[in-house]
Amino acid sequence: MDITFQDVSYIYQPNSPFEFRALEDISFHIPSGSFVAVIGHTGSGKSTLIQHLNGLVRPTNGEVIVGSHSMKAGEKTKDLKDLREKVGVVFQYPEHQLFEENVEKDIGFGPLNFGVKEEEIKRRTREAIQAVQLPEELLDRSPFDLSGGQMRRVAIAGVLAMSPDVLVLDEPTAGLDPRGQREIMEMFHRLHKEKRLTTVLVTHSMEDALRYADHVIILNHGKKFMEGQPKEVFVNEKELREVQLDVPEVIQFLNKLEQRLGKKVPYHGQTITQLAKELAAVVKGREAHE
């Protein structure tokens, strides 16, 4: 599903002493099937932005279009239930939302409330637990008997069981160790490719944005500060630091290397091994000319 924001602003508690403008004149377009990272410091408007995607909040000004659904300021939104079935949101610490007596019921809770038939729920539940790489034997277990990592995957499976077209990830690796973070992000990237999802990732990890996203949107104090392909955005080290953001370590390394060697080594998604070979070739070539 395509996603478009057209001059979107959002104000909390308007016309009151507590009025706060969280978003201001935001415009962008996300083509269907994209993997987009939304980045910004705390208070930049990231969470408010993604809450527009399934109608949790509606724009104070402007229009949000998700697929065939339009949410326009001052107009009642039609078919919100259908929109929320198509846009799955994985919030921070999604395992805190588990509550059913066993894993199978927890995963199937969403589809059940949207009127999906029992046989279809069973099919989706088994497909979802396989997608998050957990054994079906866990379906009869209480979710509260599982490890923290397993509980998070069960909660994610509950979102996937809705068969969404858009997957919104709000800091999905929060609280995980480095290995757990990597495994979860690899899982999301695989699901994105296999299911051809439109994926929107809110993250503080510049490395994750560089590794997985094909487009980046930077927010600053409720406004769009910068957007583009990650490798194009992250070379702007000075500008990013001005809005309290770092650049990925690999980009920092390549920038310093360019300063020392006087030759640019472009980043195009290389692994560390590939990058090491390229750097060796640059150094060897330099020595040959000395």
C-alpha atoms as a PDB file:
ATOM      1  CA  MET A   1       0.000   0.000   0.000  1.00  0.00           C
ATOM      2  CA  ASP A   2       1.217   3.474  -0.894  1.00  0.00           C
ATOM      3  CA  ILE A   3       1.397   6.051   1.913  1.00  0.00           C
ATOM      4  CA  THR A   4       1.187   9.793   1.307  1.00  0.00           C
ATOM      5  CA  PHE A   5       1.295  12.735   3.715  1.00  0.00           C
ATOM      6  CA  GLN A   6       0.172  16.049   2.206  1.00  0.00           C
ATOM      7  CA  ASP A   7       0.946  19.152   4.292  1.00  0.00           C
ATOM      8  CA  VAL A   8       0.093  17.301   7.512  1.00  0.00           C
ATOM      9  CA  SER A   9       0.137  19.124  10.837  1.00  0.00           C
ATOM     10  CA  TYR A  10      -0.991  17.786  14.189  1.00  0.00           C
ATOM     11  CA  ILE A  11      -1.655  19.835  17.332  1.00  0.00           C
ATOM     12  CA  TYR A  12      -2.234  18.313  20.748  1.00  0.00           C
ATOM     13  CA  GLN A  13      -4.873  20.123  22.864  1.00  0.00           C
ATOM     14  CA  PRO A  14      -5.417  22.988  20.395  1.00  0.00           C
ATOM     15  CA  ASN A  15      -6.735  26.329  21.631  1.00  0.00           C
ATOM     16  CA  SER A  16      -5.705  25.592  25.199  1.00  0.00           C
ATOM     17  CA  PRO A  17      -2.789  26.667  27.422  1.00  0.00           C
ATOM     18  CA  PHE A  18      -1.272  23.222  26.765  1.00  0.00           C
ATOM     19  CA  GLU A  19      -1.355  23.456  22.953  1.00  0.00           C
ATOM     20  CA  PHE A  20       1.593  21.645  21.363  1.00  0.00           C
ATOM     21  CA  ARG A  21       2.370  21.404  17.651  1.00  0.00           C
ATOM     22  CA  ALA A  22       3.779  17.889  17.206  1.00  0.00           C
ATOM     23  CA  LEU A  23       3.890  17.888  13.381  1.00  0.00           C
ATOM     24  CA  GLU A  24       4.076  20.840  11.027  1.00  0.00           C
ATOM     25  CA  ASP A  25       3.475  20.788   7.252  1.00  0.00           C
ATOM     26  CA  ILE A  26       4.839  17.265   6.706  1.00  0.00           C
ATOM     27  CA  SER A  27       4.744  15.960   3.122  1.00  0.00           C
ATOM     28  CA  PHE A  28       6.228  12.756   1.700  1.00  0.00           C
ATOM     29  CA  HIS A  29       5.305   9.707  -0.361  1.00  0.00           C
ATOM     30  CA  ILE A  30       6.130   6.064   0.423  1.00  0.00           C
ATOM     31  CA  PRO A  31       5.646   3.720  -2.551  1.00  0.00           C
ATOM     32  CA  SER A  32       4.101   0.311  -1.904  1.00  0.00           C
ATOM     33  CA  GLY A  33       6.708  -2.296  -0.968  1.00  0.00           C
ATOM     34  CA  SER A  34       9.217   0.216   0.418  1.00  0.00           C
ATOM     35  CA  PHE A  35      11.182  -0.151   3.638  1.00  0.00           C
ATOM     36  CA  VAL A  36      11.317   3.325   5.189  1.00  0.00           C
ATOM     37  CA  ALA A  37      13.117   4.400   8.364  1.00  0.00           C
ATOM     38  CA  VAL A  38      11.784   7.398  10.318  1.00  0.00           C
ATOM     39  CA  ILE A  39      14.508   8.925  12.483  1.00  0.00           C
ATOM     40  CA  GLY A  40      14.693  11.853  14.886  1.00  0.00           C
ATOM     41  CA  HIS A  41      15.629  12.774  18.417  1.00  0.00           C
ATOM     42  CA  THR A  42      13.140  12.415  21.276  1.00  0.00           C
ATOM     43  CA  GLY A  43      10.243  14.812  20.722  1.00  0.00           C
ATOM     44  CA  SER A  44      10.795  15.109  16.970  1.00  0.00           C
ATOM     45  CA  GLY A  45       7.303  13.787  16.148  1.00  0.00           C
ATOM     46  CA  LYS A  46       8.054  10.204  15.140  1.00  0.00           C
ATOM     47  CA  SER A  47       5.413   8.541  17.313  1.00  0.00           C
ATOM     48  CA  THR A  48       2.745  11.078  16.366  1.00  0.00           C
ATOM     49  CA  LEU A  49       3.523  10.521  12.701  1.00  0.00           C
ATOM     50  CA  ILE A  50       3.078   6.750  12.788  1.00  0.00           C
ATOM     51  CA  GLN A  51      -0.145   7.030  14.814  1.00  0.00           C
ATOM     52  CA  HIS A  52      -1.679   8.646  11.718  1.00  0.00           C
ATOM     53  CA  LEU A  53      -1.078   5.487   9.686  1.00  0.00           C
ATOM     54  CA  ASN A  54      -3.934   3.515  11.230  1.00  0.00           C
ATOM     55  CA  GLY A  55      -6.111   6.385  12.349  1.00  0.00           C
ATOM     56  CA  LEU A  56      -5.159   6.456  16.031  1.00  0.00           C
ATOM     57  CA  VAL A  57      -4.886  10.198  15.501  1.00  0.00           C
ATOM     58  CA  ARG A  58      -6.120  12.269  12.574  1.00  0.00           C
ATOM     59  CA  PRO A  59      -4.439  15.327  11.072  1.00  0.00           C
ATOM     60  CA  THR A  60      -5.250  18.768  12.412  1.00  0.00           C
ATOM     61  CA  ASN A  61      -4.397  20.075   8.940  1.00  0.00           C
ATOM     62  CA  GLY A  62      -3.641  18.334   5.657  1.00  0.00           C
ATOM     63  CA  GLU A  63      -4.362  14.794   4.489  1.00  0.00           C
ATOM     64  CA  VAL A  64      -2.982  11.304   5.082  1.00  0.00           C
ATOM     65  CA  ILE A  65      -3.612   8.689   2.381  1.00  0.00           C
ATOM     66  CA  VAL A  66      -2.927   5.001   3.060  1.00  0.00           C
ATOM     67  CA  GLY A  67      -3.856   2.857   0.069  1.00  0.00           C
ATOM     68  CA  SER A  68      -7.453   3.769  -0.760  1.00  0.00           C
ATOM     69  CA  HIS A  69      -8.085   5.274   2.691  1.00  0.00           C
ATOM     70  CA  SER A  70      -8.022   9.036   3.175  1.00  0.00           C
ATOM     71  CA  MET A  71      -7.851  10.881   6.499  1.00  0.00           C
ATOM     72  CA  LYS A  72      -8.387  14.586   5.977  1.00  0.00           C
ATOM     73  CA  ALA A  73      -8.537  17.340   8.560  1.00  0.00           C
ATOM     74  CA  GLY A  74     -12.106  18.199   9.487  1.00  0.00           C
ATOM     75  CA  GLU A  75     -13.653  15.186   7.743  1.00  0.00           C
ATOM     76  CA  LYS A  76     -14.875  11.907   9.194  1.00  0.00           C
ATOM     77  CA  THR A  77     -12.731   8.953   8.189  1.00  0.00           C
ATOM     78  CA  LYS A  78     -14.570   6.061   6.557  1.00  0.00           C
ATOM     79  CA  ASP A  79     -13.769   2.362   6.985  1.00  0.00           C
ATOM     80  CA  LEU A  80     -11.340   2.802   9.895  1.00  0.00           C
ATOM     81  CA  LYS A  81     -11.841  -0.849  10.802  1.00  0.00           C
ATOM     82  CA  ASP A  82     -10.670  -1.957   7.351  1.00  0.00           C
ATOM     83  CA  LEU A  83      -7.678   0.401   7.581  1.00  0.00           C
ATOM     84  CA  ARG A  84      -6.636  -0.993  10.958  1.00  0.00           C
ATOM     85  CA  GLU A  85      -6.871  -4.512   9.589  1.00  0.00           C
ATOM     86  CA  LYS A  86      -4.437  -3.574   6.806  1.00  0.00           C
ATOM     87  CA  VAL A  87      -1.957  -1.606   8.938  1.00  0.00           C
ATOM     88  CA  GLY A  88      -0.235  -3.692  11.599  1.00  0.00           C
ATOM     89  CA  VAL A  89       1.624  -1.825  14.341  1.00  0.00           C
ATOM     90  CA  VAL A  90       4.340  -3.367  16.515  1.00  0.00           C
ATOM     91  CA  PHE A  91       4.775  -1.012  19.473  1.00  0.00           C
ATOM     92  CA  GLN A  92       7.725  -0.878  21.844  1.00  0.00           C
ATOM     93  CA  TYR A  93       7.730  -3.884  24.176  1.00  0.00           C
ATOM     94  CA  PRO A  94       4.798  -5.575  22.383  1.00  0.00           C
ATOM     95  CA  GLU A  95       5.063  -8.529  24.772  1.00  0.00           C
ATOM     96  CA  HIS A  96       3.419  -6.334  27.435  1.00  0.00           C
ATOM     97  CA  GLN A  97       0.175  -6.689  25.441  1.00  0.00           C
ATOM     98  CA  LEU A  98      -0.007 -10.492  25.801  1.00  0.00           C
ATOM     99  CA  PHE A  99      -2.888 -11.652  27.992  1.00  0.00           C
ATOM    100  CA  GLU A 100      -4.525 -14.865  26.738  1.00  0.00           C
ATOM    101  CA  GLU A 101      -4.240 -18.257  28.422  1.00  0.00           C
ATOM    102  CA  ASN A 102      -2.202 -19.778  25.604  1.00  0.00           C
ATOM    103  CA  VAL A 103      -0.118 -18.650  22.646  1.00  0.00           C
ATOM    104  CA  GLU A 104      -2.627 -19.815  20.024  1.00  0.00           C
ATOM    105  CA  LYS A 105      -5.440 -17.685  21.458  1.00  0.00           C
ATOM    106  CA  ASP A 106      -3.164 -14.675  21.804  1.00  0.00           C
ATOM    107  CA  ILE A 107      -2.025 -14.812  18.175  1.00  0.00           C
ATOM    108  CA  GLY A 108      -5.583 -15.355  16.960  1.00  0.00           C
ATOM    109  CA  PHE A 109      -7.145 -12.600  19.092  1.00  0.00           C
ATOM    110  CA  GLY A 110      -6.890  -9.879  16.422  1.00  0.00           C
ATOM    111  CA  PRO A 111      -8.380 -11.856  13.528  1.00  0.00           C
ATOM    112  CA  LEU A 112     -11.157 -13.144  15.836  1.00  0.00           C
ATOM    113  CA  ASN A 113     -12.198  -9.575  16.646  1.00  0.00           C
ATOM    114  CA  PHE A 114     -12.271  -8.694  12.974  1.00  0.00           C
ATOM    115  CA  GLY A 115     -14.704 -11.518  12.257  1.00  0.00           C
ATOM    116  CA  VAL A 116     -12.307 -13.934  10.569  1.00  0.00           C
ATOM    117  CA  LYS A 117     -13.619 -17.498  10.455  1.00  0.00           C
ATOM    118  CA  GLU A 118     -12.215 -20.096  12.838  1.00  0.00           C
ATOM    119  CA  GLU A 119     -10.479 -22.264  10.216  1.00  0.00           C
ATOM    120  CA  GLU A 120      -8.844 -19.215   8.666  1.00  0.00           C
ATOM    121  CA  ILE A 121      -7.667 -18.069  12.107  1.00  0.00           C
ATOM    122  CA  LYS A 122      -6.046 -21.459  12.713  1.00  0.00           C
ATOM    123  CA  ARG A 123      -4.293 -21.271   9.337  1.00  0.00           C
ATOM    124  CA  ARG A 124      -3.062 -17.736   9.959  1.00  0.00           C
ATOM    125  CA  THR A 125      -1.920 -18.598  13.489  1.00  0.00           C
ATOM    126  CA  ARG A 126       0.270 -21.459  12.303  1.00  0.00           C
ATOM    127  CA  GLU A 127       1.617 -19.405   9.426  1.00  0.00           C
ATOM    128  CA  ALA A 128       2.399 -16.499  11.769  1.00  0.00           C
ATOM    129  CA  ILE A 129       4.235 -18.567  14.377  1.00  0.00           C
ATOM    130  CA  GLN A 130       6.334 -20.125  11.621  1.00  0.00           C
ATOM    131  CA  ALA A 131       7.055 -16.653  10.225  1.00  0.00           C
ATOM    132  CA  VAL A 132       8.545 -15.548  13.556  1.00  0.00           C
ATOM    133  CA  GLN A 133      10.554 -18.778  13.680  1.00  0.00           C
ATOM    134  CA  LEU A 134       8.951 -20.366  16.720  1.00  0.00           C
ATOM    135  CA  PRO A 135       7.905 -24.049  16.915  1.00  0.00           C
ATOM    136  CA  GLU A 136       4.195 -24.878  16.709  1.00  0.00           C
ATOM    137  CA  GLU A 137       4.592 -26.853  19.957  1.00  0.00           C
ATOM    138  CA  LEU A 138       4.441 -23.507  21.783  1.00  0.00           C
ATOM    139  CA  LEU A 139       0.856 -22.841  20.676  1.00  0.00           C
ATOM    140  CA  ASP A 140      -0.560 -24.713  23.687  1.00  0.00           C
ATOM    141  CA  ARG A 141       1.796 -23.004  26.158  1.00  0.00           C
ATOM    142  CA  SER A 142       0.995 -19.974  28.263  1.00  0.00           C
ATOM    143  CA  PRO A 143       2.788 -16.961  26.776  1.00  0.00           C
ATOM    144  CA  PHE A 144       3.948 -16.103  30.286  1.00  0.00           C
ATOM    145  CA  ASP A 145       5.950 -19.348  30.495  1.00  0.00           C
ATOM    146  CA  LEU A 146       8.121 -18.274  27.563  1.00  0.00           C
ATOM    147  CA  SER A 147      11.397 -16.400  27.502  1.00  0.00           C
ATOM    148  CA  GLY A 148      11.358 -12.655  26.892  1.00  0.00           C
ATOM    149  CA  GLY A 149      12.521 -13.093  23.308  1.00  0.00           C
ATOM    150  CA  GLN A 150       9.871 -15.730  22.621  1.00  0.00           C
ATOM    151  CA  MET A 151       7.160 -13.521  24.122  1.00  0.00           C
ATOM    152  CA  ARG A 152       8.140 -10.686  21.796  1.00  0.00           C
ATOM    153  CA  ARG A 153       7.972 -12.997  18.791  1.00  0.00           C
ATOM    154  CA  VAL A 154       4.514 -14.232  19.858  1.00  0.00           C
ATOM    155  CA  ALA A 155       3.307 -10.624  20.083  1.00  0.00           C
ATOM    156  CA  ILE A 156       4.712  -9.935  16.617  1.00  0.00           C
ATOM    157  CA  ALA A 157       3.009 -13.084  15.311  1.00  0.00           C
ATOM    158  CA  GLY A 158      -0.282 -11.645  16.579  1.00  0.00           C
ATOM    159  CA  VAL A 159       0.242  -8.611  14.333  1.00  0.00           C
ATOM    160  CA  LEU A 160       1.209 -10.779  11.358  1.00  0.00           C
ATOM    161  CA  ALA A 161      -1.912 -12.923  11.822  1.00  0.00           C
ATOM    162  CA  MET A 162      -3.941  -9.895  10.737  1.00  0.00           C
ATOM    163  CA  SER A 163      -2.313 -10.293   7.282  1.00  0.00           C
ATOM    164  CA  PRO A 164      -1.404  -6.585   7.088  1.00  0.00           C
ATOM    165  CA  ASP A 165      -0.212  -4.842   3.934  1.00  0.00           C
ATOM    166  CA  VAL A 166       1.648  -2.222   5.977  1.00  0.00           C
ATOM    167  CA  LEU A 167       3.873  -3.093   8.928  1.00  0.00           C
ATOM    168  CA  VAL A 168       4.759  -0.259  11.317  1.00  0.00           C
ATOM    169  CA  LEU A 169       7.626  -0.934  13.719  1.00  0.00           C
ATOM    170  CA  ASP A 170       8.059   1.440  16.665  1.00  0.00           C
ATOM    171  CA  GLU A 171      11.532   0.784  18.097  1.00  0.00           C
ATOM    172  CA  PRO A 172      10.970  -2.986  17.788  1.00  0.00           C
ATOM    173  CA  THR A 173      14.378  -3.961  19.256  1.00  0.00           C
ATOM    174  CA  ALA A 174      14.025  -1.913  22.475  1.00  0.00           C
ATOM    175  CA  GLY A 175      15.375  -3.747  25.496  1.00  0.00           C
ATOM    176  CA  LEU A 176      17.027  -6.575  23.543  1.00  0.00           C
ATOM    177  CA  ASP A 177      20.707  -7.501  23.670  1.00  0.00           C
ATOM    178  CA  PRO A 178      22.782  -6.978  20.478  1.00  0.00           C
ATOM    179  CA  ARG A 179      22.218 -10.535  19.278  1.00  0.00           C
ATOM    180  CA  GLY A 180      18.461 -10.293  19.883  1.00  0.00           C
ATOM    181  CA  GLN A 181      18.338  -6.941  18.095  1.00  0.00           C
ATOM    182  CA  ARG A 182      20.078  -8.364  15.046  1.00  0.00           C
ATOM    183  CA  GLU A 183      17.859 -11.475  14.945  1.00  0.00           C
ATOM    184  CA  ILE A 184      14.636  -9.455  15.208  1.00  0.00           C
ATOM    185  CA  MET A 185      15.685  -6.995  12.505  1.00  0.00           C
ATOM    186  CA  GLU A 186      16.775  -9.801  10.171  1.00  0.00           C
ATOM    187  CA  MET A 187      13.389 -11.429  10.746  1.00  0.00           C
ATOM    188  CA  PHE A 188      11.518  -8.221   9.882  1.00  0.00           C
ATOM    189  CA  HIS A 189      13.621  -7.696   6.774  1.00  0.00           C
ATOM    190  CA  ARG A 190      12.929 -11.258   5.633  1.00  0.00           C
ATOM    191  CA  LEU A 191       9.185 -10.838   6.226  1.00  0.00           C
ATOM    192  CA  HIS A 192       9.259  -7.527   4.364  1.00  0.00           C
ATOM    193  CA  LYS A 193      10.738  -9.232   1.319  1.00  0.00           C
ATOM    194  CA  GLU A 194       8.694 -12.447   1.451  1.00  0.00           C
ATOM    195  CA  LYS A 195       5.314 -10.793   2.023  1.00  0.00           C
ATOM    196  CA  ARG A 196       6.064  -7.677  -0.068  1.00  0.00           C
ATOM    197  CA  LEU A 197       5.054  -5.433   2.804  1.00  0.00           C
ATOM    198  CA  THR A 198       5.303  -1.680   3.029  1.00  0.00           C
ATOM    199  CA  THR A 199       7.417  -1.365   6.170  1.00  0.00           C
ATOM    200  CA  VAL A 200       7.835   1.781   8.276  1.00  0.00           C
ATOM    201  CA  LEU A 201      10.537   1.550  10.954  1.00  0.00           C
ATOM    202  CA  VAL A 202      10.869   4.123  13.731  1.00  0.00           C
ATOM    203  CA  THR A 203      14.348   3.731  15.144  1.00  0.00           C
ATOM    204  CA  HIS A 204      17.217   5.409  16.965  1.00  0.00           C
ATOM    205  CA  SER A 205      19.644   2.966  15.333  1.00  0.00           C
ATOM    206  CA  MET A 206      21.354   4.622  12.404  1.00  0.00           C
ATOM    207  CA  GLU A 207      23.008   1.285  11.629  1.00  0.00           C
ATOM    208  CA  ASP A 208      19.629  -0.436  11.240  1.00  0.00           C
ATOM    209  CA  ALA A 209      18.389   2.378   9.016  1.00  0.00           C
ATOM    210  CA  LEU A 210      21.476   2.095   6.827  1.00  0.00           C
ATOM    211  CA  ARG A 211      21.374  -1.696   6.652  1.00  0.00           C
ATOM    212  CA  TYR A 212      17.667  -2.349   6.061  1.00  0.00           C
ATOM    213  CA  ALA A 213      15.886   0.774   4.778  1.00  0.00           C
ATOM    214  CA  ASP A 214      15.738   1.894   1.174  1.00  0.00           C
ATOM    215  CA  HIS A 215      14.507   5.360   2.173  1.00  0.00           C
ATOM    216  CA  VAL A 216      15.022   7.546   5.255  1.00  0.00           C
ATOM    217  CA  ILE A 217      12.920  10.409   6.635  1.00  0.00           C
ATOM    218  CA  ILE A 218      14.581  12.627   9.254  1.00  0.00           C
ATOM    219  CA  LEU A 219      12.319  14.650  11.578  1.00  0.00           C
ATOM    220  CA  ASN A 220      13.336  17.604  13.719  1.00  0.00           C
ATOM    221  CA  HIS A 221      10.945  19.442  16.049  1.00  0.00           C
ATOM    222  CA  GLY A 222       7.917  18.213  14.129  1.00  0.00           C
ATOM    223  CA  LYS A 223       9.211  19.175  10.698  1.00  0.00           C
ATOM    224  CA  LYS A 224      10.731  17.096   7.920  1.00  0.00           C
ATOM    225  CA  PHE A 225      14.426  17.923   8.064  1.00  0.00           C
ATOM    226  CA  MET A 226      15.783  15.649   5.352  1.00  0.00           C
ATOM    227  CA  GLU A 227      14.850  12.575   3.307  1.00  0.00           C
ATOM    228  CA  GLY A 228      16.369  10.305   0.684  1.00  0.00           C
ATOM    229  CA  GLN A 229      18.269   7.074   0.248  1.00  0.00           C
ATOM    230  CA  PRO A 230      20.259   6.173   3.394  1.00  0.00           C
ATOM    231  CA  LYS A 231      23.661   6.346   1.727  1.00  0.00           C
ATOM    232  CA  GLU A 232      22.802   9.822   0.409  1.00  0.00           C
ATOM    233  CA  VAL A 233      21.380  11.131   3.692  1.00  0.00           C
ATOM    234  CA  PHE A 234      24.058   9.791   6.029  1.00  0.00           C
ATOM    235  CA  VAL A 235      26.960  11.469   4.245  1.00  0.00           C
ATOM    236  CA  ASN A 236      25.643  14.794   5.600  1.00  0.00           C
ATOM    237  CA  GLU A 237      27.476  14.345   8.895  1.00  0.00           C
ATOM    238  CA  LYS A 238      27.602  18.031   9.851  1.00  0.00           C
ATOM    239  CA  GLU A 239      23.881  18.630   9.217  1.00  0.00           C
ATOM    240  CA  LEU A 240      22.851  15.500  11.126  1.00  0.00           C
ATOM    241  CA  ARG A 241      24.922  16.429  14.149  1.00  0.00           C
ATOM    242  CA  GLU A 242      23.195  19.811  14.185  1.00  0.00           C
ATOM    243  CA  VAL A 243      19.912  17.982  14.894  1.00  0.00           C
ATOM    244  CA  GLN A 244      21.515  15.737  17.534  1.00  0.00           C
ATOM    245  CA  LEU A 245      21.913  12.676  15.329  1.00  0.00           C
ATOM    246  CA  ASP A 246      25.000  10.588  14.680  1.00  0.00           C
ATOM    247  CA  VAL A 247      25.883   8.929  11.420  1.00  0.00           C
ATOM    248  CA  PRO A 248      26.416   5.149  11.226  1.00  0.00           C
ATOM    249  CA  GLU A 249      29.848   4.005  12.370  1.00  0.00           C
ATOM    250  CA  VAL A 250      30.776   2.607   8.960  1.00  0.00           C
ATOM    251  CA  ILE A 251      30.067   6.000   7.347  1.00  0.00           C
ATOM    252  CA  GLN A 252      32.123   7.777  10.027  1.00  0.00           C
ATOM    253  CA  PHE A 253      34.957   5.358   9.349  1.00  0.00           C
ATOM    254  CA  LEU A 254      34.844   5.916   5.586  1.00  0.00           C
ATOM    255  CA  ASN A 255      34.741   9.697   6.062  1.00  0.00           C
ATOM    256  CA  LYS A 256      37.860   9.611   8.264  1.00  0.00           C
ATOM    257  CA  LEU A 257      39.547   7.277   5.813  1.00  0.00           C
ATOM    258  CA  GLU A 258      38.881   9.713   2.977  1.00  0.00           C
ATOM    259  CA  GLN A 259      40.475  12.510   5.002  1.00  0.00           C
ATOM    260  CA  ARG A 260      43.609  10.446   5.620  1.00  0.00           C
ATOM    261  CA  LEU A 261      44.025   8.842   2.191  1.00  0.00           C
ATOM    262  CA  GLY A 262      42.631  11.635   0.081  1.00  0.00           C
ATOM    263  CA  LYS A 263      40.499   9.140  -1.829  1.00  0.00           C
ATOM    264  CA  LYS A 264      36.810   8.399  -1.413  1.00  0.00           C
ATOM    265  CA  VAL A 265      35.658   4.827  -0.814  1.00  0.00           C
ATOM    266  CA  PRO A 266      31.919   4.846  -1.617  1.00  0.00           C
ATOM    267  CA  TYR A 267      29.492   2.887   0.537  1.00  0.00           C
ATOM    268  CA  HIS A 268      27.075   0.651  -1.344  1.00  0.00           C
ATOM    269  CA  GLY A 269      26.033  -1.857   1.280  1.00  0.00           C
ATOM    270  CA  GLN A 270      29.309  -3.741   1.544  1.00  0.00           C
ATOM    271  CA  THR A 271      29.916  -6.279   4.260  1.00  0.00           C
ATOM    272  CA  ILE A 272      32.928  -5.764   6.515  1.00  0.00           C
ATOM    273  CA  THR A 273      34.843  -8.392   4.505  1.00  0.00           C
ATOM    274  CA  GLN A 274      34.067  -6.677   1.211  1.00  0.00           C
ATOM    275  CA  LEU A 275      34.972  -3.302   2.646  1.00  0.00           C
ATOM    276  CA  ALA A 276      38.285  -4.645   3.952  1.00  0.00           C
ATOM    277  CA  LYS A 277      39.183  -5.902   0.456  1.00  0.00           C
ATOM    278  CA  GLU A 278      38.324  -2.544  -1.100  1.00  0.00           C
ATOM    279  CA  LEU A 279      40.398  -0.682   1.488  1.00  0.00           C
ATOM    280  CA  ALA A 280      43.345  -3.009   0.947  1.00  0.00           C
ATOM    281  CA  ALA A 281      43.184  -2.279  -2.779  1.00  0.00           C
ATOM    282  CA  VAL A 282      43.108   1.497  -2.127  1.00  0.00           C
ATOM    283  CA  VAL A 283      46.113   1.336   0.224  1.00  0.00           C
ATOM    284  CA  LYS A 284      48.027  -0.936  -2.157  1.00  0.00           C
ATOM    285  CA  GLY A 285      47.373   1.409  -5.051  1.00  0.00           C
ATOM    286  CA  ARG A 286      48.534   4.366  -3.019  1.00  0.00           C
ATOM    287  CA  GLU A 287      51.766   2.607  -2.017  1.00  0.00           C
ATOM    288  CA  ALA A 288      52.447   1.670  -5.640  1.00  0.00           C
ATOM    289  CA  HIS A 289      52.451   5.352  -6.586  1.00  0.00           C
ATOM    290  CA  GLU A 290      54.813   6.421  -3.802  1.00  0.00           C
END
